[in-house]
Protein backbone atom coordinates (compact mmCIF):
# COMPACT_ATOMS: atom_id res chain seq x y z
CA MET A 1 -53.32 -46.82 -34.76
CA ARG A 2 -52.11 -43.48 -33.40
CA ILE A 3 -55.56 -41.97 -33.95
CA ASN A 4 -57.23 -44.88 -32.20
CA LEU A 5 -54.98 -44.50 -29.13
CA LEU A 6 -55.71 -40.78 -28.95
CA LEU A 7 -59.42 -41.51 -29.11
CA LEU A 8 -59.15 -44.17 -26.40
CA PHE A 9 -56.99 -42.08 -24.02
CA PRO A 10 -59.89 -40.17 -22.35
CA PHE A 11 -61.58 -43.47 -21.57
CA LEU A 12 -58.33 -44.86 -20.09
CA LEU A 13 -57.99 -41.74 -17.95
CA PHE A 14 -61.62 -42.01 -16.81
CA ALA A 15 -61.06 -45.66 -15.88
CA MET A 16 -58.21 -44.79 -13.50
CA GLN A 17 -59.07 -45.60 -9.90
CA GLY A 18 -57.83 -44.23 -6.57
CA ASP A 19 -58.13 -45.39 -2.98
CA VAL A 20 -56.67 -44.97 0.52
CA THR A 21 -56.29 -47.39 3.41
CA VAL A 22 -54.92 -46.96 6.94
CA HIS A 23 -53.75 -49.35 9.62
CA ILE A 24 -51.70 -49.27 12.82
CA GLN A 25 -48.39 -51.07 12.60
CA PRO A 26 -48.89 -53.92 15.08
CA LYS A 27 -47.32 -54.17 18.53
CA GLU A 28 -48.19 -56.30 21.53
CA ARG A 29 -49.26 -53.23 23.57
CA TYR A 30 -49.41 -49.48 23.10
CA PHE A 31 -48.48 -47.15 25.97
CA VAL A 32 -49.12 -43.49 26.76
CA SER A 33 -46.71 -41.18 24.85
CA GLU A 34 -45.09 -44.15 23.09
CA LYS A 35 -44.46 -43.81 19.38
CA ILE A 36 -47.18 -45.57 17.37
CA VAL A 37 -46.94 -45.71 13.58
CA LEU A 38 -50.09 -45.10 11.55
CA GLN A 39 -49.51 -46.32 7.98
CA LEU A 40 -51.41 -44.55 5.22
CA ASP A 41 -51.45 -46.19 1.78
CA VAL A 42 -52.38 -43.89 -1.11
CA LYS A 43 -53.21 -45.94 -4.21
CA THR A 44 -53.96 -45.48 -7.88
CA THR A 45 -54.27 -47.77 -10.87
CA GLY A 46 -52.21 -45.24 -12.84
CA PHE A 47 -48.44 -45.18 -13.06
CA SER A 48 -47.78 -42.58 -10.32
CA VAL A 49 -49.21 -40.89 -7.23
CA SER A 50 -48.58 -37.19 -6.53
CA ASP A 51 -49.94 -34.03 -4.85
CA VAL A 52 -50.85 -35.90 -1.65
CA ARG A 53 -52.52 -33.78 1.04
CA VAL A 54 -53.82 -35.25 4.31
CA ASP A 55 -56.16 -33.59 6.79
CA THR A 56 -55.44 -34.86 10.33
CA SER A 57 -57.35 -32.12 12.18
CA ASP A 58 -59.99 -34.58 13.43
CA LEU A 59 -57.45 -36.71 15.32
CA LYS A 60 -57.67 -35.92 19.04
CA ASP A 61 -55.69 -36.80 22.22
CA LEU A 62 -52.53 -37.30 20.16
CA ILE A 63 -49.40 -35.52 19.11
CA ILE A 64 -48.99 -36.18 15.39
CA VAL A 65 -45.71 -36.00 13.50
CA ALA A 66 -46.39 -36.01 9.76
CA PRO A 67 -43.81 -37.40 7.31
CA LYS A 68 -42.16 -35.03 4.85
CA SER A 69 -42.58 -37.53 2.01
CA ALA A 70 -43.61 -41.11 1.28
CA ALA A 71 -41.57 -43.73 3.13
CA TYR A 72 -41.54 -45.86 -0.02
CA VAL A 73 -43.56 -46.71 -3.15
CA GLN A 74 -44.57 -50.22 -4.13
CA SER A 75 -46.80 -52.11 -6.56
CA GLU A 76 -49.51 -54.57 -5.60
CA GLU A 77 -52.17 -56.66 -7.31
CA THR A 78 -55.73 -56.34 -5.99
CA GLY A 79 -58.86 -57.70 -7.66
CA GLY A 80 -57.01 -58.29 -10.91
CA GLU A 81 -55.84 -54.64 -10.99
CA SER A 82 -52.28 -53.39 -10.71
CA TRP A 83 -51.96 -50.55 -8.16
CA GLN A 84 -49.18 -48.09 -7.45
CA VAL A 85 -49.04 -47.49 -3.68
CA ALA A 86 -47.32 -44.58 -1.93
CA VAL A 87 -46.81 -45.47 1.76
CA TYR A 88 -46.79 -42.69 4.36
CA GLU A 89 -45.89 -43.33 8.00
CA TYR A 90 -47.41 -40.98 10.59
CA GLU A 91 -46.03 -41.00 14.13
CA LEU A 92 -48.74 -40.86 16.81
CA TYR A 93 -48.00 -40.15 20.49
CA PRO A 94 -51.06 -40.74 22.75
CA LEU A 95 -51.53 -38.21 25.54
CA ARG A 96 -53.76 -40.41 27.68
CA GLY A 97 -54.61 -44.02 28.38
CA GLY A 98 -57.81 -45.81 27.41
CA GLU A 99 -59.58 -46.10 24.09
CA ILE A 100 -58.71 -43.43 21.53
CA PHE A 101 -60.88 -42.98 18.46
CA LEU A 102 -58.99 -42.29 15.23
CA ALA A 103 -61.35 -40.34 13.01
CA PRO A 104 -61.27 -40.90 9.22
CA LEU A 105 -58.55 -39.03 7.34
CA GLU A 106 -59.50 -36.97 4.32
CA VAL A 107 -56.85 -37.52 1.65
CA SER A 108 -56.53 -35.60 -1.62
CA PHE A 109 -54.12 -36.81 -4.31
CA SER A 110 -53.55 -37.12 -8.05
CA GLY A 111 -52.86 -40.05 -10.34
CA SER A 112 -51.30 -40.09 -13.78
CA MET A 113 -50.98 -42.67 -16.55
CA GLY A 114 -47.39 -41.62 -17.19
CA TYR A 115 -44.83 -38.83 -17.35
CA GLY A 116 -46.25 -35.74 -19.02
CA GLN A 117 -49.77 -37.17 -19.09
CA PRO A 118 -52.79 -35.33 -17.61
CA LYS A 119 -53.52 -35.91 -13.93
CA GLN A 120 -56.75 -37.12 -12.42
CA SER A 121 -57.62 -35.82 -8.94
CA PHE A 122 -59.10 -37.88 -6.11
CA THR A 123 -60.46 -37.13 -2.64
CA LYS A 124 -60.95 -40.16 -0.40
CA ARG A 125 -61.70 -40.81 3.25
CA SER A 126 -60.11 -43.60 5.22
CA GLU A 127 -61.94 -45.95 7.55
CA PRO A 128 -62.05 -44.98 11.27
CA LEU A 129 -59.93 -46.91 13.75
CA THR A 130 -59.80 -47.34 17.52
CA LEU A 131 -56.62 -47.57 19.55
CA GLN A 132 -56.36 -49.10 23.02
CA VAL A 133 -53.64 -47.34 25.01
CA ASP A 134 -52.27 -48.56 28.35
CA SER A 135 -50.81 -46.50 31.19
CA PRO A 136 -47.73 -47.98 32.88
CA VAL A 137 -48.52 -49.88 36.09
CA GLY A 138 -48.11 -47.72 39.16
CA THR A 139 -48.63 -44.41 37.35
CA ASP A 140 -51.46 -41.95 37.29
CA GLY A 141 -51.73 -39.56 34.37
CA PHE A 142 -49.12 -38.77 31.76
CA VAL A 143 -45.74 -40.56 31.91
CA LEU A 144 -43.14 -40.31 29.17
CA SER A 145 -42.53 -43.60 27.33
CA THR A 146 -39.12 -43.93 25.71
CA PRO A 147 -36.50 -46.67 25.30
CA LYS A 148 -33.82 -44.41 26.83
CA LEU A 149 -33.66 -41.18 28.83
CA THR A 150 -30.77 -39.32 30.47
CA LEU A 151 -30.87 -36.36 32.85
CA ASP A 152 -27.96 -34.07 33.71
CA VAL A 153 -27.86 -31.21 36.26
CA GLU A 154 -25.19 -28.53 36.52
CA TYR A 155 -24.81 -25.68 39.02
CA LYS A 156 -22.67 -22.56 38.51
CA PRO A 157 -21.16 -21.51 40.85
CA ASP A 158 -21.41 -24.03 43.66
CA PRO A 159 -24.20 -22.64 45.88
CA GLU A 160 -22.79 -23.92 49.17
CA ILE A 161 -22.36 -20.44 50.74
CA LEU A 162 -24.03 -17.28 49.46
CA LYS A 163 -24.71 -13.74 50.56
CA VAL A 164 -28.14 -12.17 50.37
CA GLY A 165 -28.67 -11.03 46.79
CA GLU A 166 -26.09 -13.36 45.27
CA ALA A 167 -27.21 -15.65 42.44
CA PHE A 168 -26.34 -19.04 41.07
CA GLU A 169 -27.51 -20.89 37.96
CA ARG A 170 -28.96 -24.34 37.38
CA THR A 171 -29.00 -26.02 33.98
CA VAL A 172 -30.99 -29.24 33.49
CA THR A 173 -30.59 -31.24 30.27
CA ILE A 174 -33.01 -34.05 29.36
CA ILE A 175 -32.32 -36.29 26.36
CA ALA A 176 -34.67 -39.07 25.17
CA VAL A 177 -35.06 -41.18 22.04
CA ASP A 178 -38.08 -41.95 19.87
CA VAL A 179 -40.17 -39.09 21.26
CA PRO A 180 -40.83 -35.56 19.97
CA ASP A 181 -39.15 -32.75 21.90
CA LEU A 182 -42.57 -31.29 22.81
CA LEU A 183 -43.24 -34.27 25.10
CA LEU A 184 -40.17 -33.87 27.30
CA PRO A 185 -41.34 -32.77 30.78
CA SER A 186 -40.45 -29.56 32.57
CA VAL A 187 -38.37 -29.58 35.77
CA ALA A 188 -39.13 -26.02 36.88
CA ILE A 189 -38.35 -25.01 40.47
CA GLU A 190 -41.35 -24.19 42.63
CA LYS A 191 -41.47 -20.56 43.66
CA GLN A 192 -40.44 -19.79 47.25
CA GLU A 193 -40.63 -16.60 49.31
CA VAL A 194 -36.97 -16.83 50.31
CA LEU A 195 -35.73 -17.48 46.77
CA LYS A 196 -36.28 -15.64 43.52
CA VAL A 197 -36.27 -17.97 40.52
CA TYR A 198 -35.98 -16.68 36.95
CA ASP A 199 -36.61 -19.23 34.18
CA ASP A 200 -35.20 -18.83 30.68
CA GLU A 201 -37.22 -20.10 27.73
CA PRO A 202 -36.46 -23.85 27.42
CA ARG A 203 -34.36 -24.87 24.41
CA LEU A 204 -35.91 -27.78 22.48
CA SER A 205 -34.33 -29.74 19.66
CA LEU A 206 -34.91 -32.96 17.72
CA GLU A 207 -32.09 -34.48 15.68
CA GLN A 208 -31.68 -38.01 14.33
CA GLY A 209 -34.30 -39.49 16.63
CA LYS A 210 -32.93 -37.77 19.78
CA ALA A 211 -35.04 -35.14 21.52
CA SER A 212 -33.50 -32.74 24.03
CA ARG A 213 -34.81 -30.14 26.44
CA VAL A 214 -32.46 -27.70 28.19
CA GLU A 215 -33.84 -25.62 31.06
CA HIS A 216 -31.82 -22.79 32.59
CA GLN A 217 -32.75 -21.11 35.86
CA THR A 218 -31.19 -18.25 37.80
CA ILE A 219 -31.78 -18.45 41.56
CA ILE A 220 -31.28 -15.45 43.84
CA ALA A 221 -31.26 -15.72 47.63
CA SER A 222 -33.37 -12.87 48.99
CA HIS A 223 -33.20 -13.78 52.72
CA GLU A 224 -30.46 -15.00 55.02
CA GLY A 225 -30.61 -18.43 56.62
CA ASN A 226 -30.41 -22.07 55.60
CA MET A 227 -32.05 -22.67 52.23
CA THR A 228 -32.91 -25.83 50.28
CA LEU A 229 -33.85 -26.56 46.72
CA PRO A 230 -36.14 -29.57 47.19
CA GLU A 231 -35.60 -32.92 45.55
CA GLN A 232 -37.35 -33.48 42.22
CA LYS A 233 -38.22 -36.74 40.49
CA LEU A 234 -38.83 -37.36 36.81
CA TYR A 235 -40.59 -40.62 35.94
CA TRP A 236 -40.32 -42.33 32.57
CA PHE A 237 -41.36 -45.71 31.26
CA ASP A 238 -39.16 -48.08 29.28
CA SER A 239 -41.85 -49.69 27.11
CA VAL A 240 -39.34 -52.10 25.55
CA ASN A 241 -38.46 -53.77 28.85
CA GLY A 242 -41.61 -52.78 30.77
CA ILE A 243 -39.73 -50.92 33.53
CA LEU A 244 -40.77 -47.69 35.25
CA HIS A 245 -37.74 -45.51 36.03
CA ALA A 246 -37.31 -42.48 38.27
CA GLU A 247 -34.56 -39.93 37.63
CA THR A 248 -33.76 -37.82 40.68
CA ILE A 249 -32.52 -34.27 41.00
CA GLU A 250 -31.02 -34.31 44.48
CA ALA A 251 -31.96 -31.67 47.04
CA VAL A 252 -29.40 -28.89 47.35
CA GLY A 253 -28.86 -27.11 50.65
CA PHE A 254 -26.91 -23.89 51.11
CA LYS A 255 -26.36 -21.16 53.68
CA VAL A 256 -27.17 -17.53 52.98
CA SER A 257 -25.38 -14.96 55.12
CA GLY A 258 -26.17 -11.28 55.66
CA GLY A 259 -24.35 -8.41 54.00
CA SER A 260 -26.23 -7.96 50.78
CA ALA A 261 -24.08 -8.59 47.76
CA THR A 262 -26.60 -7.07 45.39
CA MET A 263 -29.27 -4.42 45.58
CA THR A 264 -33.03 -4.53 45.85
CA ASP A 265 -35.21 -3.30 43.01
CA GLU A 266 -35.60 0.11 44.69
CA GLN A 267 -31.85 0.29 45.18
CA HIS A 268 -31.34 -0.61 41.53
CA LYS A 269 -33.66 2.23 40.50
CA HIS A 270 -31.91 4.68 42.83
CA SER A 271 -28.50 3.54 41.61
CA LYS A 272 -29.57 3.90 37.98
CA SER A 273 -30.80 7.46 38.62
CA LEU A 274 -27.57 8.25 40.44
CA TRP A 275 -25.50 7.03 37.53
CA ILE A 276 -27.56 9.10 35.08
CA TRP A 277 -27.14 12.30 37.10
CA SER A 278 -23.46 11.53 37.65
CA GLY A 279 -23.04 11.18 33.89
CA ILE A 280 -24.76 14.51 33.30
CA PHE A 281 -22.54 16.19 35.91
CA VAL A 282 -19.36 14.73 34.38
CA ALA A 283 -20.47 15.85 30.92
CA LEU A 284 -21.13 19.41 32.18
CA ALA A 285 -17.85 19.45 34.07
CA ALA A 286 -16.02 18.55 30.87
CA LEU A 287 -18.02 21.05 28.81
CA VAL A 288 -17.24 24.13 30.96
CA PRO A 289 -13.43 24.07 30.37
CA LEU A 290 -14.07 23.40 26.70
CA LEU A 291 -16.35 26.46 26.39
CA PHE A 292 -13.84 28.57 28.33
CA PHE A 293 -11.07 27.48 25.95
CA ILE A 294 -13.20 28.26 22.87
CA VAL A 295 -14.13 31.76 24.12
CA ARG A 296 -10.54 32.55 25.11
CA TYR A 297 -9.19 31.31 21.80
CA GLU A 298 -11.74 33.38 19.88
CA ARG A 299 -10.73 36.54 21.76
CA ARG A 300 -7.05 35.95 21.12
CA TYR A 301 -7.71 35.25 17.47
CA ILE A 302 -9.76 38.42 16.99
CA THR A 303 -7.17 40.52 18.88
CA HIS A 304 -4.37 39.41 16.58
CA LEU A 305 -6.22 40.00 13.31
CA PRO A 306 -4.67 42.66 11.02
CA ARG A 307 -6.38 46.01 11.50
CA SER A 308 -7.53 46.05 7.88
CA ILE A 309 -9.71 42.99 8.38
CA ASN A 310 -10.55 43.35 12.07
CA PRO A 311 -14.40 43.26 12.08
CA ARG A 312 -14.57 45.35 15.23
CA GLU A 313 -13.04 48.40 13.61
């Protein structure tokens, strides 16, 4: 019996089948930038599925977040065959409205008849799909879709009264759920002749379904007079309740008086050179007494040497 099973094993391995299917988890409507779940089922008539690799490079007009592993594994009966199915859930975030074509996915994987048994490799292509994506009513172009968004603005110090050259800082924090951090919009300040704006690199993070974007700007008043940071609006769409929201960063006005508190770039360069030469002068001034002391000490030392070892004799 053992010999017969060994002889039959190659035929059992050859008879193993593999397949892949994809479908969009259903919702009533799909909106721009809203999370859409593409379910990929990787199947084999063996006892396990492994070594899954998926090529998504042909998917366009989407941000794709790939899963780190299968969401779950299940068994199903199809056509009288028992299949092991590894289910992978890909998050898709459309970047535009209209019809989006989902090109076939090329999926490579292995199946095995059991632990320690040889693997059989498969390469399959899924069927193409189309996705109809809506833009929120009253919007034109990209609008972030999320069930919840918060925006916080902080100024340090209070920029009510400044002198020319003085600076203050603005920190804007945006937090949203069920979106990748890459989709959170920027709230950069438009450049102005009377204000110098320096932007730090935004800090992005994604933890436990919450995405955050922190933008930090340093603003320097370069002219005297009455200045204003204009109002800014950030629109986002609550796709759960179908409501378009607008978060507002209020306009900030402040007065800039004369009497420069800081220096221009040329003044900075001049000041830097002055400090360098001052440092050299101080170093030389300290070195002269030290050299004088060394020379004087050497003379006194040589003078008081015993005559028998005085090198000058």
